[in-house]
Amino acid sequence: MKINKTAVKKIANLAYLNTNDKDIEAYQEALNKILTIFEELKEIDTTEVEPMTNTIGDTLTLYADEVEKGNSKKEVMANALHTKCGFYSVPKIIE
């Protein structure tokens, strides 16, 4: 499949690119090279290759959920400079 100048102009318009005829020709050539590479990749036999979820091969270690005693509201609010009615109070910044 080859990309023509009309398709390149449409893509450039969708990407909000200001282009001239010289740019259009350069983009057309670059996009056609990319499509050629994808066509070559389609020819590779991947029937024996397992799908990958990541390139490293690590798996996540799963731990059991354990309930721990967290901070109480009183302890958390003690860190605030100003509180009002049990909530953080910050200065108004929008008039």
PDB file of N, CA and C in Angstrom:
ATOM      1  N   MET A   1       0.845  -1.175   0.000  1.00  0.00           N
ATOM      2  CA  MET A   1       0.000   0.000   0.000  1.00  0.00           C
ATOM      3  C   MET A   1       0.892   1.240   0.000  1.00  0.00           C
ATOM      4  N   LYS A   2       0.589   2.148  -0.837  1.00  0.00           N
ATOM      5  CA  LYS A   2       1.363   3.389  -0.935  1.00  0.00           C
ATOM      6  C   LYS A   2       0.494   4.564  -0.495  1.00  0.00           C
ATOM      7  N   ILE A   3       1.133   5.507   0.130  1.00  0.00           N
ATOM      8  CA  ILE A   3       0.449   6.734   0.556  1.00  0.00           C
ATOM      9  C   ILE A   3       0.621   7.774  -0.548  1.00  0.00           C
ATOM     10  N   ASN A   4      -0.473   8.398  -0.959  1.00  0.00           N
ATOM     11  CA  ASN A   4      -0.376   9.449  -1.979  1.00  0.00           C
ATOM     12  C   ASN A   4      -0.368  10.824  -1.304  1.00  0.00           C
ATOM     13  N   LYS A   5      -0.170  11.857  -2.107  1.00  0.00           N
ATOM     14  CA  LYS A   5      -0.064  13.213  -1.562  1.00  0.00           C
ATOM     15  C   LYS A   5      -1.361  13.663  -0.896  1.00  0.00           C
ATOM     16  N   THR A   6      -2.493  13.215  -1.426  1.00  0.00           N
ATOM     17  CA  THR A   6      -3.781  13.589  -0.830  1.00  0.00           C
ATOM     18  C   THR A   6      -3.897  13.048   0.593  1.00  0.00           C
ATOM     19  N   ALA A   7      -3.466  11.801   0.787  1.00  0.00           N
ATOM     20  CA  ALA A   7      -3.516  11.202   2.122  1.00  0.00           C
ATOM     21  C   ALA A   7      -2.564  11.919   3.073  1.00  0.00           C
ATOM     22  N   VAL A   8      -1.387  12.286   2.576  1.00  0.00           N
ATOM     23  CA  VAL A   8      -0.419  12.999   3.420  1.00  0.00           C
ATOM     24  C   VAL A   8      -0.984  14.355   3.832  1.00  0.00           C
ATOM     25  N   LYS A   9      -1.619  15.060   2.888  1.00  0.00           N
ATOM     26  CA  LYS A   9      -2.214  16.355   3.222  1.00  0.00           C
ATOM     27  C   LYS A   9      -3.302  16.200   4.268  1.00  0.00           C
ATOM     28  N   LYS A  10      -4.102  15.133   4.164  1.00  0.00           N
ATOM     29  CA  LYS A  10      -5.166  14.891   5.142  1.00  0.00           C
ATOM     30  C   LYS A  10      -4.575  14.601   6.522  1.00  0.00           C
ATOM     31  N   ILE A  11      -3.534  13.767   6.564  1.00  0.00           N
ATOM     32  CA  ILE A  11      -2.874  13.446   7.835  1.00  0.00           C
ATOM     33  C   ILE A  11      -2.266  14.702   8.446  1.00  0.00           C
ATOM     34  N   ALA A  12      -1.618  15.518   7.625  1.00  0.00           N
ATOM     35  CA  ALA A  12      -1.003  16.762   8.120  1.00  0.00           C
ATOM     36  C   ALA A  12      -2.067  17.702   8.652  1.00  0.00           C
ATOM     37  N   ASN A  13      -3.199  17.755   7.981  1.00  0.00           N
ATOM     38  CA  ASN A  13      -4.306  18.600   8.444  1.00  0.00           C
ATOM     39  C   ASN A  13      -4.841  18.104   9.786  1.00  0.00           C
ATOM     40  N   LEU A  14      -4.992  16.792   9.932  1.00  0.00           N
ATOM     41  CA  LEU A  14      -5.479  16.230  11.199  1.00  0.00           C
ATOM     42  C   LEU A  14      -4.496  16.465  12.340  1.00  0.00           C
ATOM     43  N   ALA A  15      -3.199  16.542  12.001  1.00  0.00           N
ATOM     44  CA  ALA A  15      -2.161  16.773  13.009  1.00  0.00           C
ATOM     45  C   ALA A  15      -1.877  18.260  13.199  1.00  0.00           C
ATOM     46  N   TYR A  16      -2.673  19.105  12.539  1.00  0.00           N
ATOM     47  CA  TYR A  16      -2.502  20.562  12.622  1.00  0.00           C
ATOM     48  C   TYR A  16      -1.091  20.993  12.231  1.00  0.00           C
ATOM     49  N   LEU A  17      -0.555  20.392  11.150  1.00  0.00           N
ATOM     50  CA  LEU A  17       0.770  20.759  10.658  1.00  0.00           C
ATOM     51  C   LEU A  17       0.630  21.719   9.484  1.00  0.00           C
ATOM     52  N   ASN A  18       1.385  22.791   9.508  1.00  0.00           N
ATOM     53  CA  ASN A  18       1.459  23.685   8.363  1.00  0.00           C
ATOM     54  C   ASN A  18       2.508  23.110   7.415  1.00  0.00           C
ATOM     55  N   THR A  19       2.098  22.768   6.198  1.00  0.00           N
ATOM     56  CA  THR A  19       3.011  22.115   5.276  1.00  0.00           C
ATOM     57  C   THR A  19       3.016  22.824   3.931  1.00  0.00           C
ATOM     58  N   ASN A  20       4.104  22.618   3.208  1.00  0.00           N
ATOM     59  CA  ASN A  20       4.183  23.069   1.820  1.00  0.00           C
ATOM     60  C   ASN A  20       4.429  21.840   0.950  1.00  0.00           C
ATOM     61  N   ASP A  21       4.536  22.023  -0.357  1.00  0.00           N
ATOM     62  CA  ASP A  21       4.694  20.882  -1.258  1.00  0.00           C
ATOM     63  C   ASP A  21       5.975  20.095  -0.989  1.00  0.00           C
ATOM     64  N   LYS A  22       7.041  20.791  -0.599  1.00  0.00           N
ATOM     65  CA  LYS A  22       8.304  20.115  -0.302  1.00  0.00           C
ATOM     66  C   LYS A  22       8.148  19.204   0.925  1.00  0.00           C
ATOM     67  N   ASP A  23       7.454  19.726   1.951  1.00  0.00           N
ATOM     68  CA  ASP A  23       7.203  18.925   3.153  1.00  0.00           C
ATOM     69  C   ASP A  23       6.334  17.720   2.832  1.00  0.00           C
ATOM     70  N   ILE A  24       5.317  17.927   2.014  1.00  0.00           N
ATOM     71  CA  ILE A  24       4.399  16.848   1.663  1.00  0.00           C
ATOM     72  C   ILE A  24       5.165  15.698   1.005  1.00  0.00           C
ATOM     73  N   GLU A  25       6.069  16.024   0.096  1.00  0.00           N
ATOM     74  CA  GLU A  25       6.860  14.984  -0.572  1.00  0.00           C
ATOM     75  C   GLU A  25       7.750  14.243   0.423  1.00  0.00           C
ATOM     76  N   ALA A  26       8.356  14.978   1.367  1.00  0.00           N
ATOM     77  CA  ALA A  26       9.219  14.341   2.368  1.00  0.00           C
ATOM     78  C   ALA A  26       8.402  13.430   3.278  1.00  0.00           C
ATOM     79  N   TYR A  27       7.231  13.897   3.707  1.00  0.00           N
ATOM     80  CA  TYR A  27       6.368  13.081   4.563  1.00  0.00           C
ATOM     81  C   TYR A  27       5.877  11.849   3.809  1.00  0.00           C
ATOM     82  N   GLN A  28       5.550  12.029   2.535  1.00  0.00           N
ATOM     83  CA  GLN A  28       5.072  10.909   1.732  1.00  0.00           C
ATOM     84  C   GLN A  28       6.154   9.831   1.638  1.00  0.00           C
ATOM     85  N   GLU A  29       7.375  10.251   1.389  1.00  0.00           N
ATOM     86  CA  GLU A  29       8.483   9.301   1.297  1.00  0.00           C
ATOM     87  C   GLU A  29       8.712   8.578   2.620  1.00  0.00           C
ATOM     88  N   ALA A  30       8.692   9.325   3.722  1.00  0.00           N
ATOM     89  CA  ALA A  30       8.929   8.729   5.043  1.00  0.00           C
ATOM     90  C   ALA A  30       7.812   7.743   5.403  1.00  0.00           C
ATOM     91  N   LEU A  31       6.569   8.132   5.167  1.00  0.00           N
ATOM     92  CA  LEU A  31       5.450   7.237   5.491  1.00  0.00           C
ATOM     93  C   LEU A  31       5.471   5.977   4.633  1.00  0.00           C
ATOM     94  N   ASN A  32       5.839   6.108   3.378  1.00  0.00           N
ATOM     95  CA  ASN A  32       5.935   4.930   2.517  1.00  0.00           C
ATOM     96  C   ASN A  32       7.048   3.991   2.960  1.00  0.00           C
ATOM     97  N   LYS A  33       8.168   4.547   3.463  1.00  0.00           N
ATOM     98  CA  LYS A  33       9.238   3.702   4.010  1.00  0.00           C
ATOM     99  C   LYS A  33       8.744   2.928   5.229  1.00  0.00           C
ATOM    100  N   ILE A  34       7.988   3.608   6.085  1.00  0.00           N
ATOM    101  CA  ILE A  34       7.449   2.951   7.285  1.00  0.00           C
ATOM    102  C   ILE A  34       6.505   1.822   6.890  1.00  0.00           C
ATOM    103  N   LEU A  35       5.638   2.073   5.916  1.00  0.00           N
ATOM    104  CA  LEU A  35       4.705   1.038   5.468  1.00  0.00           C
ATOM    105  C   LEU A  35       5.430  -0.141   4.830  1.00  0.00           C
ATOM    106  N   THR A  36       6.543   0.128   4.150  1.00  0.00           N
ATOM    107  CA  THR A  36       7.343  -0.946   3.568  1.00  0.00           C
ATOM    108  C   THR A  36       7.914  -1.834   4.668  1.00  0.00           C
ATOM    109  N   ILE A  37       8.371  -1.229   5.746  1.00  0.00           N
ATOM    110  CA  ILE A  37       8.903  -2.007   6.874  1.00  0.00           C
ATOM    111  C   ILE A  37       7.806  -2.873   7.475  1.00  0.00           C
ATOM    112  N   PHE A  38       6.596  -2.333   7.618  1.00  0.00           N
ATOM    113  CA  PHE A  38       5.491  -3.124   8.160  1.00  0.00           C
ATOM    114  C   PHE A  38       5.135  -4.286   7.233  1.00  0.00           C
ATOM    115  N   GLU A  39       5.212  -4.076   5.932  1.00  0.00           N
ATOM    116  CA  GLU A  39       4.948  -5.159   4.984  1.00  0.00           C
ATOM    117  C   GLU A  39       5.987  -6.265   5.147  1.00  0.00           C
ATOM    118  N   GLU A  40       7.248  -5.889   5.369  1.00  0.00           N
ATOM    119  CA  GLU A  40       8.296  -6.882   5.590  1.00  0.00           C
ATOM    120  C   GLU A  40       8.051  -7.647   6.889  1.00  0.00           C
ATOM    121  N   LEU A  41       7.575  -6.967   7.910  1.00  0.00           N
ATOM    122  CA  LEU A  41       7.297  -7.631   9.181  1.00  0.00           C
ATOM    123  C   LEU A  41       6.163  -8.638   9.075  1.00  0.00           C
ATOM    124  N   LYS A  42       5.216  -8.378   8.188  1.00  0.00           N
ATOM    125  CA  LYS A  42       4.096  -9.311   8.004  1.00  0.00           C
ATOM    126  C   LYS A  42       4.559 -10.650   7.453  1.00  0.00           C
ATOM    127  N   GLU A  43       5.699 -10.668   6.762  1.00  0.00           N
ATOM    128  CA  GLU A  43       6.205 -11.893   6.158  1.00  0.00           C
ATOM    129  C   GLU A  43       6.882 -12.820   7.164  1.00  0.00           C
ATOM    130  N   ILE A  44       7.170 -12.341   8.353  1.00  0.00           N
ATOM    131  CA  ILE A  44       7.854 -13.144   9.365  1.00  0.00           C
ATOM    132  C   ILE A  44       6.870 -14.131   9.979  1.00  0.00           C
ATOM    133  N   ASP A  45       7.301 -15.402  10.087  1.00  0.00           N
ATOM    134  CA  ASP A  45       6.457 -16.443  10.675  1.00  0.00           C
ATOM    135  C   ASP A  45       6.538 -16.350  12.196  1.00  0.00           C
ATOM    136  N   THR A  46       5.426 -16.046  12.827  1.00  0.00           N
ATOM    137  CA  THR A  46       5.383 -15.901  14.291  1.00  0.00           C
ATOM    138  C   THR A  46       4.467 -16.939  14.936  1.00  0.00           C
ATOM    139  N   THR A  47       4.202 -18.037  14.244  1.00  0.00           N
ATOM    140  CA  THR A  47       3.268 -19.033  14.779  1.00  0.00           C
ATOM    141  C   THR A  47       3.796 -19.703  16.046  1.00  0.00           C
ATOM    142  N   GLU A  48       5.110 -19.844  16.179  1.00  0.00           N
ATOM    143  CA  GLU A  48       5.696 -20.501  17.354  1.00  0.00           C
ATOM    144  C   GLU A  48       6.054 -19.526  18.472  1.00  0.00           C
ATOM    145  N   VAL A  49       5.798 -18.244  18.278  1.00  0.00           N
ATOM    146  CA  VAL A  49       6.174 -17.229  19.263  1.00  0.00           C
ATOM    147  C   VAL A  49       4.978 -16.939  20.167  1.00  0.00           C
ATOM    148  N   GLU A  50       5.211 -17.045  21.472  1.00  0.00           N
ATOM    149  CA  GLU A  50       4.139 -16.760  22.423  1.00  0.00           C
ATOM    150  C   GLU A  50       3.957 -15.256  22.565  1.00  0.00           C
ATOM    151  N   PRO A  51       2.711 -14.806  22.743  1.00  0.00           N
ATOM    152  CA  PRO A  51       2.481 -13.367  22.953  1.00  0.00           C
ATOM    153  C   PRO A  51       3.164 -12.890  24.228  1.00  0.00           C
ATOM    154  N   MET A  52       3.628 -11.652  24.200  1.00  0.00           N
ATOM    155  CA  MET A  52       4.320 -11.076  25.349  1.00  0.00           C
ATOM    156  C   MET A  52       3.470  -9.981  25.979  1.00  0.00           C
ATOM    157  N   THR A  53       3.514  -9.904  27.298  1.00  0.00           N
ATOM    158  CA  THR A  53       2.856  -8.794  27.985  1.00  0.00           C
ATOM    159  C   THR A  53       3.864  -7.719  28.357  1.00  0.00           C
ATOM    160  N   ASN A  54       5.145  -8.102  28.474  1.00  0.00           N
ATOM    161  CA  ASN A  54       6.209  -7.122  28.693  1.00  0.00           C
ATOM    162  C   ASN A  54       7.514  -7.699  28.180  1.00  0.00           C
ATOM    163  N   THR A  55       8.515  -6.874  28.045  1.00  0.00           N
ATOM    164  CA  THR A  55       9.785  -7.324  27.477  1.00  0.00           C
ATOM    165  C   THR A  55      10.730  -7.909  28.512  1.00  0.00           C
ATOM    166  N   ILE A  56      10.486  -7.651  29.781  1.00  0.00           N
ATOM    167  CA  ILE A  56      11.398  -8.104  30.828  1.00  0.00           C
ATOM    168  C   ILE A  56      11.099  -9.538  31.246  1.00  0.00           C
ATOM    169  N   GLY A  57       9.831  -9.911  31.256  1.00  0.00           N
ATOM    170  CA  GLY A  57       9.467 -11.256  31.644  1.00  0.00           C
ATOM    171  C   GLY A  57       9.207 -11.412  33.131  1.00  0.00           C
ATOM    172  N   ASP A  58       9.311 -10.346  33.883  1.00  0.00           N
ATOM    173  CA  ASP A  58       9.033 -10.415  35.312  1.00  0.00           C
ATOM    174  C   ASP A  58       7.539 -10.569  35.549  1.00  0.00           C
ATOM    175  N   THR A  59       7.226 -11.188  36.637  1.00  0.00           N
ATOM    176  CA  THR A  59       5.827 -11.275  37.045  1.00  0.00           C
ATOM    177  C   THR A  59       5.682 -10.557  38.380  1.00  0.00           C
ATOM    178  N   LEU A  60       4.518 -10.029  38.623  1.00  0.00           N
ATOM    179  CA  LEU A  60       4.276  -9.326  39.872  1.00  0.00           C
ATOM    180  C   LEU A  60       4.065 -10.324  41.000  1.00  0.00           C
ATOM    181  N   THR A  61       4.639 -10.019  42.132  1.00  0.00           N
ATOM    182  CA  THR A  61       4.434 -10.840  43.305  1.00  0.00           C
ATOM    183  C   THR A  61       3.166 -10.363  43.993  1.00  0.00           C
ATOM    184  N   LEU A  62       2.261 -11.273  44.193  1.00  0.00           N
ATOM    185  CA  LEU A  62       1.001 -10.917  44.828  1.00  0.00           C
ATOM    186  C   LEU A  62       1.073 -11.253  46.314  1.00  0.00           C
ATOM    187  N   TYR A  63       0.660 -10.317  47.114  1.00  0.00           N
ATOM    188  CA  TYR A  63       0.649 -10.506  48.552  1.00  0.00           C
ATOM    189  C   TYR A  63      -0.787 -10.506  49.044  1.00  0.00           C
ATOM    190  N   ALA A  64      -1.020 -11.178  50.140  1.00  0.00           N
ATOM    191  CA  ALA A  64      -2.358 -11.194  50.718  1.00  0.00           C
ATOM    192  C   ALA A  64      -2.677  -9.819  51.292  1.00  0.00           C
ATOM    193  N   ASP A  65      -3.915  -9.409  51.135  1.00  0.00           N
ATOM    194  CA  ASP A  65      -4.338  -8.139  51.710  1.00  0.00           C
ATOM    195  C   ASP A  65      -4.426  -8.285  53.227  1.00  0.00           C
ATOM    196  N   GLU A  66      -3.798  -7.349  53.912  1.00  0.00           N
ATOM    197  CA  GLU A  66      -3.835  -7.360  55.363  1.00  0.00           C
ATOM    198  C   GLU A  66      -4.305  -6.002  55.853  1.00  0.00           C
ATOM    199  N   VAL A  67      -5.234  -6.004  56.767  1.00  0.00           N
ATOM    200  CA  VAL A  67      -5.751  -4.767  57.324  1.00  0.00           C
ATOM    201  C   VAL A  67      -4.784  -4.295  58.402  1.00  0.00           C
ATOM    202  N   GLU A  68      -4.357  -3.050  58.283  1.00  0.00           N
ATOM    203  CA  GLU A  68      -3.463  -2.471  59.270  1.00  0.00           C
ATOM    204  C   GLU A  68      -4.131  -1.265  59.894  1.00  0.00           C
ATOM    205  N   LYS A  69      -3.703  -0.948  61.096  1.00  0.00           N
ATOM    206  CA  LYS A  69      -4.242   0.229  61.745  1.00  0.00           C
ATOM    207  C   LYS A  69      -3.646   1.451  61.060  1.00  0.00           C
ATOM    208  N   GLY A  70      -4.503   2.282  60.503  1.00  0.00           N
ATOM    209  CA  GLY A  70      -4.035   3.482  59.827  1.00  0.00           C
ATOM    210  C   GLY A  70      -4.073   4.674  60.761  1.00  0.00           C
ATOM    211  N   ASN A  71      -3.756   5.828  60.217  1.00  0.00           N
ATOM    212  CA  ASN A  71      -3.805   7.058  60.988  1.00  0.00           C
ATOM    213  C   ASN A  71      -5.252   7.443  61.258  1.00  0.00           C
ATOM    214  N   SER A  72      -5.473   7.958  62.415  1.00  0.00           N
ATOM    215  CA  SER A  72      -6.812   8.441  62.722  1.00  0.00           C
ATOM    216  C   SER A  72      -6.966   9.853  62.163  1.00  0.00           C
ATOM    217  N   LYS A  73      -8.195  10.293  62.015  1.00  0.00           N
ATOM    218  CA  LYS A  73      -8.450  11.635  61.482  1.00  0.00           C
ATOM    219  C   LYS A  73      -7.801  12.681  62.376  1.00  0.00           C
ATOM    220  N   LYS A  74      -7.843  12.461  63.674  1.00  0.00           N
ATOM    221  CA  LYS A  74      -7.271  13.416  64.611  1.00  0.00           C
ATOM    222  C   LYS A  74      -5.758  13.544  64.405  1.00  0.00           C
ATOM    223  N   GLU A  75      -5.069  12.417  64.169  1.00  0.00           N
ATOM    224  CA  GLU A  75      -3.629  12.455  63.940  1.00  0.00           C
ATOM    225  C   GLU A  75      -3.291  13.148  62.625  1.00  0.00           C
ATOM    226  N   VAL A  76      -4.080  12.898  61.587  1.00  0.00           N
ATOM    227  CA  VAL A  76      -3.827  13.502  60.281  1.00  0.00           C
ATOM    228  C   VAL A  76      -4.072  15.001  60.339  1.00  0.00           C
ATOM    229  N   MET A  77      -5.157  15.409  60.955  1.00  0.00           N
ATOM    230  CA  MET A  77      -5.501  16.822  61.027  1.00  0.00           C
ATOM    231  C   MET A  77      -4.529  17.607  61.907  1.00  0.00           C
ATOM    232  N   ALA A  78      -3.801  16.927  62.769  1.00  0.00           N
ATOM    233  CA  ALA A  78      -2.813  17.595  63.619  1.00  0.00           C
ATOM    234  C   ALA A  78      -1.670  18.176  62.774  1.00  0.00           C
ATOM    235  N   ASN A  79      -1.475  17.667  61.556  1.00  0.00           N
ATOM    236  CA  ASN A  79      -0.413  18.154  60.678  1.00  0.00           C
ATOM    237  C   ASN A  79      -0.808  19.421  59.923  1.00  0.00           C
ATOM    238  N   ALA A  80      -2.074  19.765  59.912  1.00  0.00           N
ATOM    239  CA  ALA A  80      -2.556  20.913  59.142  1.00  0.00           C
ATOM    240  C   ALA A  80      -2.281  22.214  59.884  1.00  0.00           C
ATOM    241  N   LEU A  81      -2.008  23.283  59.122  1.00  0.00           N
ATOM    242  CA  LEU A  81      -1.820  24.592  59.728  1.00  0.00           C
ATOM    243  C   LEU A  81      -3.135  25.133  60.260  1.00  0.00           C
ATOM    244  N   HIS A  82      -4.210  24.996  59.435  1.00  0.00           N
ATOM    245  CA  HIS A  82      -5.521  25.503  59.830  1.00  0.00           C
ATOM    246  C   HIS A  82      -6.580  24.454  59.525  1.00  0.00           C
ATOM    247  N   THR A  83      -7.500  24.301  60.449  1.00  0.00           N
ATOM    248  CA  THR A  83      -8.628  23.402  60.214  1.00  0.00           C
ATOM    249  C   THR A  83      -9.909  24.129  60.580  1.00  0.00           C
ATOM    250  N   LYS A  84     -11.002  23.667  59.977  1.00  0.00           N
ATOM    251  CA  LYS A  84     -12.295  24.261  60.264  1.00  0.00           C
ATOM    252  C   LYS A  84     -13.339  23.160  60.134  1.00  0.00           C
ATOM    253  N   CYS A  85     -14.067  22.905  61.180  1.00  0.00           N
ATOM    254  CA  CYS A  85     -15.116  21.883  61.198  1.00  0.00           C
ATOM    255  C   CYS A  85     -14.577  20.511  60.807  1.00  0.00           C
ATOM    256  N   GLY A  86     -13.359  20.198  61.191  1.00  0.00           N
ATOM    257  CA  GLY A  86     -12.798  18.879  60.905  1.00  0.00           C
ATOM    258  C   GLY A  86     -12.231  18.722  59.500  1.00  0.00           C
ATOM    259  N   PHE A  87     -12.033  19.813  58.756  1.00  0.00           N
ATOM    260  CA  PHE A  87     -11.475  19.769  57.420  1.00  0.00           C
ATOM    261  C   PHE A  87     -10.294  20.709  57.320  1.00  0.00           C
ATOM    262  N   TYR A  88      -9.436  20.482  56.305  1.00  0.00           N
ATOM    263  CA  TYR A  88      -8.354  21.425  56.051  1.00  0.00           C
ATOM    264  C   TYR A  88      -8.935  22.760  55.649  1.00  0.00           C
ATOM    265  N   SER A  89      -8.319  23.825  56.109  1.00  0.00           N
ATOM    266  CA  SER A  89      -8.768  25.169  55.746  1.00  0.00           C
ATOM    267  C   SER A  89      -7.619  25.852  55.022  1.00  0.00           C
ATOM    268  N   VAL A  90      -7.906  26.301  53.793  1.00  0.00           N
ATOM    269  CA  VAL A  90      -6.887  26.969  52.992  1.00  0.00           C
ATOM    270  C   VAL A  90      -7.386  28.336  52.568  1.00  0.00           C
ATOM    271  N   PRO A  91      -6.494  29.279  52.260  1.00  0.00           N
ATOM    272  CA  PRO A  91      -6.940  30.611  51.865  1.00  0.00           C
ATOM    273  C   PRO A  91      -7.636  30.571  50.505  1.00  0.00           C
ATOM    274  N   LYS A  92      -8.622  31.446  50.348  1.00  0.00           N
ATOM    275  CA  LYS A  92      -9.338  31.557  49.094  1.00  0.00           C
ATOM    276  C   LYS A  92      -8.420  32.207  48.064  1.00  0.00           C
ATOM    277  N   ILE A  93      -8.340  31.608  46.852  1.00  0.00           N
ATOM    278  CA  ILE A  93      -7.444  32.145  45.845  1.00  0.00           C
ATOM    279  C   ILE A  93      -8.207  32.671  44.624  1.00  0.00           C
ATOM    280  N   ILE A  94      -9.486  32.392  44.519  1.00  0.00           N
ATOM    281  CA  ILE A  94     -10.298  32.846  43.397  1.00  0.00           C
ATOM    282  C   ILE A  94     -11.332  33.811  43.919  1.00  0.00           C
ATOM    283  N   GLU A  95     -11.415  34.955  43.300  1.00  0.00           N
ATOM    284  CA  GLU A  95     -12.383  35.968  43.710  1.00  0.00           C
ATOM    285  C   GLU A  95     -13.706  35.703  43.047  1.00  0.00           C
TER     286      GLU A  95
END
